[in-house]
Amino acid sequence: MARILFKGNEAIAEAALRAGVDAFFGYPITPQNEVPEYLAREMPRRGGIFLQSESELAGINMLLGASAAGARAMTSSSGPGLCLMLEAISSMALTRLPAVIVDVVRSGPGMGDLSPAQEDWKLAGNGAYKIPILLPGNVQELANMVFEAFDIADQYSTPVLVLADGMLGQMMEPVDFDKLPAPRKDLPEKTWRLTGTREKGYRTMMQLTYGHPLTEFTDRFERETMPAIIANETRYEAYGLEDADVVITAYGTAARMAKAAVKELQTDLKFGFIRPMTAWPFPREPYEKIGRNCKAVFCPEINTIGQMIDDVRIAVAGRMPVYHVGNTAAGPLNTENIVDALRAYLEEVAK
């Protein structure tokens, strides 16, 4: 199949359909509205269920119910909506219910605006649970990761979050749907699913912890499931680390800005690059490969203060300083902000 020009949000929806999504529940919110718009048109044609809920809170609980019945189910939102979903997401994580959640991030999630952002890094988990979080860097990857998220969810019986900044949702790029990942084989049967009383062999009631104490359940998750996810699903792009003078680490469209900034700089210094493709599991391995010549790590993010930077600092383990480059009073992060920060650092080093 030839490449087709697709908007990111529409690529999300088409990839979900090709992954066999059975049901979508969601509520309109900028900048992801093309996802439910596309699915509202296409799902009835392809035998699926589309339902616009009265709120994000209602939508995520509908998602929980559909997943408990064994459906391949999905929702999408942005930061303010994801805030409302967290209680149900934690319940799904602790009852091991698979589902796909797409967050097309805008500034917020409270009193923000409609600007694209990377502000939801820390929003999707707490100390009692972890869920896989995928970080696409372009529209093709966005389609690939949404498609694969359904298999990841079913393989580990967990919600999976695809975290895409608002630029990815709204930009248009070529997508080849023939290059979607191959479907995973030997996924576990959903023998746990809830059914009506007339269908034998399945459960008719679900308890939050399968009838076991919560500590026993979370201990088993930490000892068995988490190591498997970390071993099999950690993803990143990295190069030039062993002899780098400076390393830049970024994800999503901030990573694209960072690559453009390095090309624009005229310097003899060597730059290494790390792009995490999963927020959890966070890829610590490439940071451990940074060579002794490295004097600093720069972490561009489309936010203020920084969020991923905390994980980067843990991974770097104090071997060199880590600097945030982010939004300014003039607006969200752009390539020139990164260029200016790197030039200022190079001038300071040269003194």
Foldseek 3Di string as FASTA:
>chain_A
DFWDKDFLLLLLQVLCVVLPAAEEEEEDDPPNNVNLVNCVPCQVVVNHYYDYDPALLVRLVVQVQCQLQPGAYEYEEELLSVLSNQVSQVLQAQLLGEYEYEYAYAPDNPPGDRHWFDDCLPPRDDPLGDAWEFFDAASQSSSQCSSCSSQVCQQLSHYYYYYATNVRNGDIDIYDPVPRDDRDPPRDDPQAHADDPVDPSYDPDGDSNNPDDSVVSSVCCVVPVLVVCVVPPWDKDKDDFAQAQEEEEETHNQLVLQVVLVVPDDDPGGYIYMYGRISVVGDLVVLVNHHLNHAEYEYETFDPPDDCVVVSCVSNVPSHYYYYQFADPVHTDGSVSNNVVVVVVVVVVVD
